Protein backbone atom coordinates (compact mmCIF):
# COMPACT_ATOMS: atom_id res chain seq x y z
CA MET A 1 300.51 -81.13 129.38
CA LYS A 2 302.26 -78.21 131.07
CA THR A 3 304.96 -78.21 128.34
CA PHE A 4 302.31 -78.09 125.60
CA GLY A 5 300.77 -75.01 127.22
CA ILE A 6 304.16 -73.27 127.33
CA TYR A 7 304.67 -73.93 123.59
CA ILE A 8 301.25 -72.44 122.82
CA LEU A 9 302.09 -69.37 124.92
CA ILE A 10 305.45 -68.91 123.13
CA ILE A 11 303.81 -69.19 119.68
CA ALA A 12 301.13 -66.68 120.67
CA LEU A 13 303.77 -64.24 121.94
CA LEU A 14 305.76 -64.54 118.70
CA ILE A 15 302.67 -63.88 116.59
CA PHE A 16 301.52 -60.89 118.61
CA SER A 17 304.99 -59.38 118.97
CA GLY A 18 305.60 -59.37 115.23
CA CYS A 19 308.58 -61.77 115.42
CA THR A 20 307.12 -63.72 112.51
CA ASP A 21 307.77 -60.78 110.15
CA THR A 22 309.51 -61.93 106.96
CA GLY A 23 311.26 -58.60 106.39
CA ASP A 24 309.12 -57.87 103.33
CA GLU A 25 307.95 -54.26 103.10
CA LYS A 26 304.76 -52.93 101.55
CA TYR A 27 304.43 -49.81 99.37
CA VAL A 28 301.66 -47.98 97.53
CA ILE A 29 301.95 -46.29 94.15
CA GLU A 30 299.30 -43.57 93.92
CA THR A 31 298.15 -42.79 90.38
CA GLU A 32 295.30 -40.81 88.88
CA LEU A 33 293.58 -44.13 88.05
CA GLY A 34 293.92 -45.63 91.52
CA ASP A 35 296.45 -47.22 93.86
CA ILE A 36 298.74 -50.19 93.38
CA MET A 37 299.92 -51.88 96.58
CA PHE A 38 302.92 -54.20 96.43
CA GLU A 39 305.58 -55.74 98.61
CA VAL A 40 309.33 -55.81 98.05
CA TYR A 41 311.82 -58.50 99.05
CA PRO A 42 314.96 -56.93 100.60
CA GLU A 43 316.35 -60.27 101.75
CA LYS A 44 316.19 -61.78 98.26
CA ALA A 45 317.05 -58.70 96.16
CA PRO A 46 318.94 -56.31 98.48
CA ILE A 47 320.64 -54.21 95.76
CA THR A 48 317.50 -53.68 93.70
CA VAL A 49 315.27 -53.02 96.72
CA GLY A 50 317.90 -50.64 98.14
CA ASN A 51 317.87 -48.69 94.86
CA PHE A 52 314.06 -48.57 94.87
CA LYS A 53 314.01 -47.32 98.47
CA LYS A 54 316.45 -44.49 97.66
CA TYR A 55 314.02 -43.18 95.05
CA VAL A 56 311.06 -43.47 97.41
CA GLU A 57 312.94 -41.75 100.24
CA GLN A 58 313.97 -38.95 97.86
CA ALA A 59 310.22 -38.27 97.50
CA ASN A 60 310.63 -36.25 94.32
CA PHE A 61 308.04 -37.46 91.85
CA ASP A 62 308.32 -34.62 89.33
CA GLY A 63 308.31 -36.44 86.02
CA ALA A 64 307.21 -39.78 87.49
CA TYR A 65 304.80 -41.52 85.12
CA PHE A 66 303.70 -44.82 83.70
CA TYR A 67 304.55 -44.04 80.10
CA ARG A 68 304.96 -47.34 78.25
CA VAL A 69 302.71 -50.36 77.86
CA VAL A 70 303.58 -53.56 76.08
CA ARG A 71 300.69 -55.69 74.85
CA MET A 72 300.38 -58.53 72.38
CA ASP A 73 299.02 -56.11 69.75
CA ASN A 74 301.80 -53.48 69.88
CA GLN A 75 304.98 -55.56 69.46
CA PRO A 76 304.45 -57.26 66.10
CA VAL A 77 308.14 -57.52 65.12
CA ASN A 78 309.36 -59.12 68.34
CA PRO A 79 309.19 -62.94 68.28
CA VAL A 80 309.29 -63.04 72.12
CA LYS A 81 306.19 -61.17 73.25
CA ILE A 82 305.62 -59.87 76.78
CA GLU A 83 302.96 -57.87 78.64
CA VAL A 84 304.06 -55.11 81.04
CA ILE A 85 303.46 -51.52 82.03
CA GLN A 86 306.58 -49.42 82.53
CA GLY A 87 307.17 -46.38 84.68
CA ASP A 88 309.92 -44.09 85.80
CA PHE A 89 310.39 -43.08 89.43
CA THR A 90 311.45 -39.53 88.72
CA GLY A 91 312.66 -36.99 86.18
CA ALA A 92 316.16 -37.25 84.72
CA ASP A 93 317.55 -34.58 87.09
CA HIS A 94 316.96 -36.76 90.15
CA ARG A 95 318.61 -40.05 89.21
CA PHE A 96 320.99 -42.07 91.35
CA PRO A 97 323.92 -44.01 89.85
CA ILE A 98 323.23 -47.28 88.02
CA ILE A 99 323.20 -50.47 90.08
CA GLU A 100 324.50 -54.01 89.77
CA HIS A 101 322.11 -56.36 87.99
CA GLU A 102 320.54 -58.95 90.34
CA THR A 103 319.31 -61.75 88.10
CA THR A 104 316.41 -64.02 88.96
CA GLU A 105 318.97 -66.84 89.12
CA VAL A 106 320.56 -65.02 92.09
CA THR A 107 317.37 -63.86 93.82
CA GLY A 108 315.14 -66.87 93.19
CA LEU A 109 312.31 -64.51 92.18
CA THR A 110 310.48 -64.96 88.87
CA HIS A 111 308.46 -62.73 86.59
CA LYS A 112 304.90 -63.85 87.23
CA ASP A 113 301.61 -61.98 87.07
CA GLY A 114 302.03 -58.81 89.16
CA THR A 115 305.82 -59.00 89.56
CA VAL A 116 307.53 -55.61 89.99
CA SER A 117 310.94 -55.48 88.30
CA MET A 118 313.61 -53.03 87.16
CA GLY A 119 313.99 -52.06 83.51
CA ARG A 120 317.30 -52.00 81.67
CA PHE A 121 318.93 -51.93 78.27
CA GLU A 122 322.28 -53.66 78.73
CA VAL A 123 323.34 -55.38 81.96
CA GLY A 124 324.46 -52.65 84.34
CA THR A 125 322.09 -49.96 83.07
CA THR A 126 319.40 -50.29 85.76
CA GLN A 127 318.59 -46.98 87.38
CA ALA A 128 315.08 -45.58 87.78
CA GLU A 129 312.89 -47.45 85.29
CA PHE A 130 310.58 -50.17 86.60
CA PHE A 131 307.78 -52.32 85.25
CA ILE A 132 304.91 -54.52 86.37
CA CYS A 133 304.14 -57.82 84.65
CA ILE A 134 300.70 -58.70 83.37
CA ASN A 135 300.41 -62.52 83.30
CA ASP A 136 303.44 -64.77 83.84
CA GLN A 137 306.48 -63.62 81.85
CA PRO A 138 309.17 -66.36 82.08
CA GLU A 139 311.05 -64.88 79.10
CA LEU A 140 312.04 -61.99 81.42
CA ASP A 141 313.76 -64.37 83.87
CA TYR A 142 317.41 -65.45 83.74
CA ASN A 143 317.92 -67.54 80.57
CA GLY A 144 314.75 -65.99 79.11
CA LYS A 145 314.80 -65.03 75.46
CA ARG A 146 313.48 -61.44 75.63
CA ASN A 147 317.04 -60.08 75.81
CA PRO A 148 319.80 -61.66 73.70
CA ASP A 149 322.20 -61.74 76.67
CA GLY A 150 319.90 -64.13 78.59
CA GLN A 151 320.42 -62.22 81.85
CA GLY A 152 316.76 -61.29 82.21
CA PHE A 153 315.56 -58.50 84.47
CA ALA A 154 315.77 -57.81 88.22
CA ALA A 155 312.50 -58.79 89.89
CA PHE A 156 312.14 -57.32 93.37
CA GLY A 157 308.47 -57.15 94.35
CA GLN A 158 304.93 -58.40 93.88
CA VAL A 159 301.61 -56.56 93.50
CA LEU A 160 299.18 -57.42 96.30
CA GLU A 161 296.28 -55.14 95.32
CA GLY A 162 295.56 -52.97 92.30
CA MET A 163 296.07 -55.28 89.31
CA ASP A 164 292.83 -53.78 87.99
CA VAL A 165 294.66 -50.42 87.88
CA VAL A 166 297.67 -52.06 86.18
CA LYS A 167 295.38 -53.54 83.50
CA GLU A 168 293.57 -50.23 83.02
CA ILE A 169 296.93 -48.52 82.42
CA GLN A 170 297.89 -51.29 79.99
CA SER A 171 294.67 -50.75 78.01
CA GLY A 172 295.47 -47.08 77.35
CA GLU A 173 295.76 -45.74 73.81
CA THR A 174 299.31 -45.94 72.50
CA ASP A 175 301.56 -44.72 69.73
CA LYS A 176 303.56 -47.93 69.27
CA GLN A 177 304.31 -48.68 72.96
CA SER A 178 304.20 -45.12 74.32
CA LEU A 179 301.02 -44.09 76.09
CA LYS A 180 299.40 -41.13 74.37
CA LYS A 181 298.31 -39.96 77.82
CA LYS A 182 300.97 -40.79 80.43
CA ILE A 183 299.62 -41.83 83.83
CA LYS A 184 301.03 -39.59 86.56
CA ILE A 185 302.54 -41.22 89.64
CA SER A 186 301.72 -38.74 92.41
CA SER A 187 303.55 -40.65 95.13
CA ILE A 188 305.12 -43.93 96.18
CA SER A 189 305.03 -44.45 99.92
CA LYS A 190 305.86 -47.15 102.42
CA LEU A 191 302.98 -48.54 104.43
CA LYS A 192 303.38 -48.52 108.20
């Protein structure tokens, strides 16, 4: 019985000391429509999360907007349809070098409802563009068919609160996929 009590004490100490922390970090994107809180996974996607953190630590959000939304009704020519909102951390004058592409095959993360991921054109062009998935988007994963190269995109986080804000941004009026009124990102900050 004494041993059982010691185990309970050790578990309680671990919980209250924070030793059960997974290493995931939480951030908030502040927009004019409301806040989006999400966590990132540095242990699973260290390169992509490291890139994201550099932009946050730079704290220069001049030119940071959600500017593109992809819905079922604004991508008629693409046979592989997706739903995302896309933003840019900062203006072109404040970009860091491109990063290595961490596929979902490497990280084990997938593009599900609320996944935060990095945008790209070709593999090796990821820099400061990011997007948030609306609904599950398996075609954005490794071997997905959205990009002909099958490499997918680099998922690195998950929205915890604020999907209502994400959906409000997605419902904005567009010219093709560009928002007619971009949604300003006033700050992205790490939660204590």
